[in-house]
């Protein structure tokens, strides 16, 4: 494995854990899956559909999201939104994220 491949793999692992927090944050407002996918990718969090949709189903099963089919348009779309429990989880994960960022920042400053 080359260094570039190794870095790509490790960066993907870092992003994988942050995708849940990003989804819970973005789904404060109701969105359908494909729009969420585009928003994440535009924000620099590359996610593939075959990763995102199972994640959304898992978060819904855990009670952190609710979904609703909208069939008014020519194409039915499934919209997702964070639940009150999901908002509490997001707040806790945000605190954890901020603590981790502070810790990693401190560690990397010490190594310079």
C-alpha atoms as a PDB file:
ATOM      1  CA  UNK A   1       0.000   0.000   0.000  1.00  0.00           C
ATOM      2  CA  UNK A   2       1.395   3.391  -0.976  1.00  0.00           C
ATOM      3  CA  UNK A   3       1.471   6.337   1.409  1.00  0.00           C
ATOM      4  CA  UNK A   4      -1.265   8.077  -0.594  1.00  0.00           C
ATOM      5  CA  UNK A   5      -3.485   5.002  -0.393  1.00  0.00           C
ATOM      6  CA  UNK A   6      -2.825   4.697   3.325  1.00  0.00           C
ATOM      7  CA  UNK A   7      -3.671   8.365   3.936  1.00  0.00           C
ATOM      8  CA  UNK A   8      -6.829   8.059   1.857  1.00  0.00           C
ATOM      9  CA  UNK A   9      -7.910   5.024   3.846  1.00  0.00           C
ATOM     10  CA  UNK A  10      -7.212   6.684   7.197  1.00  0.00           C
ATOM     11  CA  UNK A  11      -8.978   9.910   6.156  1.00  0.00           C
ATOM     12  CA  UNK A  12     -11.993   7.831   5.153  1.00  0.00           C
ATOM     13  CA  UNK A  13     -12.029   6.284   8.649  1.00  0.00           C
ATOM     14  CA  UNK A  14     -11.974   9.760  10.225  1.00  0.00           C
ATOM     15  CA  UNK A  15     -14.881  10.939   8.056  1.00  0.00           C
ATOM     16  CA  UNK A  16     -16.921   7.812   8.696  1.00  0.00           C
ATOM     17  CA  UNK A  17     -17.415   8.728  12.340  1.00  0.00           C
ATOM     18  CA  UNK A  18     -18.305  12.322  11.594  1.00  0.00           C
ATOM     19  CA  UNK A  19     -21.019  11.486   9.064  1.00  0.00           C
ATOM     20  CA  UNK A  20     -23.532  10.706  11.827  1.00  0.00           C
ATOM     21  CA  UNK A  21     -22.964  14.108  13.437  1.00  0.00           C
ATOM     22  CA  UNK A  22     -23.160  15.844  10.060  1.00  0.00           C
ATOM     23  CA  UNK A  23     -26.468  14.100   9.229  1.00  0.00           C
ATOM     24  CA  UNK A  24     -28.015  14.903  12.610  1.00  0.00           C
ATOM     25  CA  UNK A  25     -26.951  18.529  12.141  1.00  0.00           C
ATOM     26  CA  UNK A  26     -28.209  18.896   8.572  1.00  0.00           C
ATOM     27  CA  UNK A  27     -31.469  17.091   9.244  1.00  0.00           C
ATOM     28  CA  UNK A  28     -32.620  19.678  11.753  1.00  0.00           C
ATOM     29  CA  UNK A  29     -34.498  20.787   8.647  1.00  0.00           C
ATOM     30  CA  UNK A  30     -36.384  18.152   6.680  1.00  0.00           C
ATOM     31  CA  UNK A  31     -34.521  16.873   3.599  1.00  0.00           C
ATOM     32  CA  UNK A  32     -34.723  13.957   1.253  1.00  0.00           C
ATOM     33  CA  UNK A  33     -31.828  11.545   0.935  1.00  0.00           C
ATOM     34  CA  UNK A  34     -30.358  12.664  -2.375  1.00  0.00           C
ATOM     35  CA  UNK A  35     -30.352  16.345  -1.354  1.00  0.00           C
ATOM     36  CA  UNK A  36     -28.604  15.373   1.889  1.00  0.00           C
ATOM     37  CA  UNK A  37     -26.044  13.392  -0.098  1.00  0.00           C
ATOM     38  CA  UNK A  38     -25.307  16.406  -2.305  1.00  0.00           C
ATOM     39  CA  UNK A  39     -25.077  18.759   0.695  1.00  0.00           C
ATOM     40  CA  UNK A  40     -22.598  16.470   2.443  1.00  0.00           C
ATOM     41  CA  UNK A  41     -20.462  16.121  -0.681  1.00  0.00           C
ATOM     42  CA  UNK A  42     -20.534  19.879  -1.308  1.00  0.00           C
ATOM     43  CA  UNK A  43     -19.429  20.442   2.290  1.00  0.00           C
ATOM     44  CA  UNK A  44     -16.358  18.249   1.773  1.00  0.00           C
ATOM     45  CA  UNK A  45     -17.758  15.129   3.434  1.00  0.00           C
ATOM     46  CA  UNK A  46     -17.791  12.679   0.544  1.00  0.00           C
ATOM     47  CA  UNK A  47     -20.375   9.962   1.105  1.00  0.00           C
ATOM     48  CA  UNK A  48     -21.754   7.444  -1.336  1.00  0.00           C
ATOM     49  CA  UNK A  49     -25.414   6.540  -1.509  1.00  0.00           C
ATOM     50  CA  UNK A  50     -24.715   2.940  -0.566  1.00  0.00           C
ATOM     51  CA  UNK A  51     -23.223   4.281   2.676  1.00  0.00           C
ATOM     52  CA  UNK A  52     -25.693   7.085   3.418  1.00  0.00           C
ATOM     53  CA  UNK A  53     -29.026   5.299   2.970  1.00  0.00           C
ATOM     54  CA  UNK A  54     -28.228   2.405   5.347  1.00  0.00           C
ATOM     55  CA  UNK A  55     -26.963   4.992   7.856  1.00  0.00           C
ATOM     56  CA  UNK A  56     -30.242   6.916   7.617  1.00  0.00           C
ATOM     57  CA  UNK A  57     -32.228   3.712   8.146  1.00  0.00           C
ATOM     58  CA  UNK A  58     -30.072   2.834  11.163  1.00  0.00           C
ATOM     59  CA  UNK A  59     -30.506   6.299  12.699  1.00  0.00           C
ATOM     60  CA  UNK A  60     -34.255   6.018  12.137  1.00  0.00           C
ATOM     61  CA  UNK A  61     -34.340   2.576  13.761  1.00  0.00           C
ATOM     62  CA  UNK A  62     -32.458   4.072  16.750  1.00  0.00           C
ATOM     63  CA  UNK A  63     -35.141   6.764  17.075  1.00  0.00           C
ATOM     64  CA  UNK A  64     -32.826   9.632  16.100  1.00  0.00           C
ATOM     65  CA  UNK A  65     -34.604  10.356  12.801  1.00  0.00           C
ATOM     66  CA  UNK A  66     -38.109  10.072  11.420  1.00  0.00           C
ATOM     67  CA  UNK A  67     -38.953   9.667   7.770  1.00  0.00           C
ATOM     68  CA  UNK A  68     -41.974  10.416   5.654  1.00  0.00           C
ATOM     69  CA  UNK A  69     -42.748   9.630   2.041  1.00  0.00           C
ATOM     70  CA  UNK A  70     -43.944  12.536  -0.070  1.00  0.00           C
ATOM     71  CA  UNK A  71     -45.748  11.529  -3.226  1.00  0.00           C
ATOM     72  CA  UNK A  72     -47.013  14.912  -4.440  1.00  0.00           C
ATOM     73  CA  UNK A  73     -44.339  15.220  -7.137  1.00  0.00           C
ATOM     74  CA  UNK A  74     -43.938  12.911 -10.096  1.00  0.00           C
ATOM     75  CA  UNK A  75     -41.225  11.067  -8.151  1.00  0.00           C
ATOM     76  CA  UNK A  76     -41.915   9.913  -4.610  1.00  0.00           C
ATOM     77  CA  UNK A  77     -39.260  11.079  -2.144  1.00  0.00           C
ATOM     78  CA  UNK A  78     -38.492   9.978   1.368  1.00  0.00           C
ATOM     79  CA  UNK A  79     -37.811  12.917   3.652  1.00  0.00           C
ATOM     80  CA  UNK A  80     -35.869  12.656   6.906  1.00  0.00           C
ATOM     81  CA  UNK A  81     -35.793  14.886   9.957  1.00  0.00           C
ATOM     82  CA  UNK A  82     -34.153  14.686  13.352  1.00  0.00           C
ATOM     83  CA  UNK A  83     -36.332  13.701  16.333  1.00  0.00           C
ATOM     84  CA  UNK A  84     -36.145  15.343  19.777  1.00  0.00           C
ATOM     85  CA  UNK A  85     -34.011  12.373  20.866  1.00  0.00           C
ATOM     86  CA  UNK A  86     -31.836  12.916  17.787  1.00  0.00           C
ATOM     87  CA  UNK A  87     -31.395  16.576  18.737  1.00  0.00           C
ATOM     88  CA  UNK A  88     -30.207  15.506  22.192  1.00  0.00           C
ATOM     89  CA  UNK A  89     -27.820  13.003  20.620  1.00  0.00           C
ATOM     90  CA  UNK A  90     -26.539  15.698  18.260  1.00  0.00           C
ATOM     91  CA  UNK A  91     -25.853  18.034  21.183  1.00  0.00           C
ATOM     92  CA  UNK A  92     -23.936  15.307  23.017  1.00  0.00           C
ATOM     93  CA  UNK A  93     -21.975  14.324  19.922  1.00  0.00           C
ATOM     94  CA  UNK A  94     -21.182  17.983  19.234  1.00  0.00           C
ATOM     95  CA  UNK A  95     -19.747  18.364  22.746  1.00  0.00           C
ATOM     96  CA  UNK A  96     -17.715  15.189  22.255  1.00  0.00           C
ATOM     97  CA  UNK A  97     -16.495  16.422  18.853  1.00  0.00           C
ATOM     98  CA  UNK A  98     -15.400  19.772  20.314  1.00  0.00           C
ATOM     99  CA  UNK A  99     -13.517  18.014  23.115  1.00  0.00           C
ATOM    100  CA  UNK A 100     -11.770  15.741  20.628  1.00  0.00           C
ATOM    101  CA  UNK A 101     -10.831  18.636  18.344  1.00  0.00           C
ATOM    102  CA  UNK A 102      -9.371  20.503  21.323  1.00  0.00           C
ATOM    103  CA  UNK A 103      -7.421  17.449  22.451  1.00  0.00           C
ATOM    104  CA  UNK A 104      -6.029  16.687  18.996  1.00  0.00           C
ATOM    105  CA  UNK A 105      -5.154  20.374  18.500  1.00  0.00           C
ATOM    106  CA  UNK A 106      -3.255  20.359  21.778  1.00  0.00           C
ATOM    107  CA  UNK A 107      -1.423  17.161  20.888  1.00  0.00           C
ATOM    108  CA  UNK A 108      -0.404  18.403  17.452  1.00  0.00           C
ATOM    109  CA  UNK A 109       0.814  21.737  18.882  1.00  0.00           C
ATOM    110  CA  UNK A 110       3.002  19.853  21.346  1.00  0.00           C
ATOM    111  CA  UNK A 111       4.618  17.891  18.474  1.00  0.00           C
ATOM    112  CA  UNK A 112       5.639  20.933  16.401  1.00  0.00           C
END
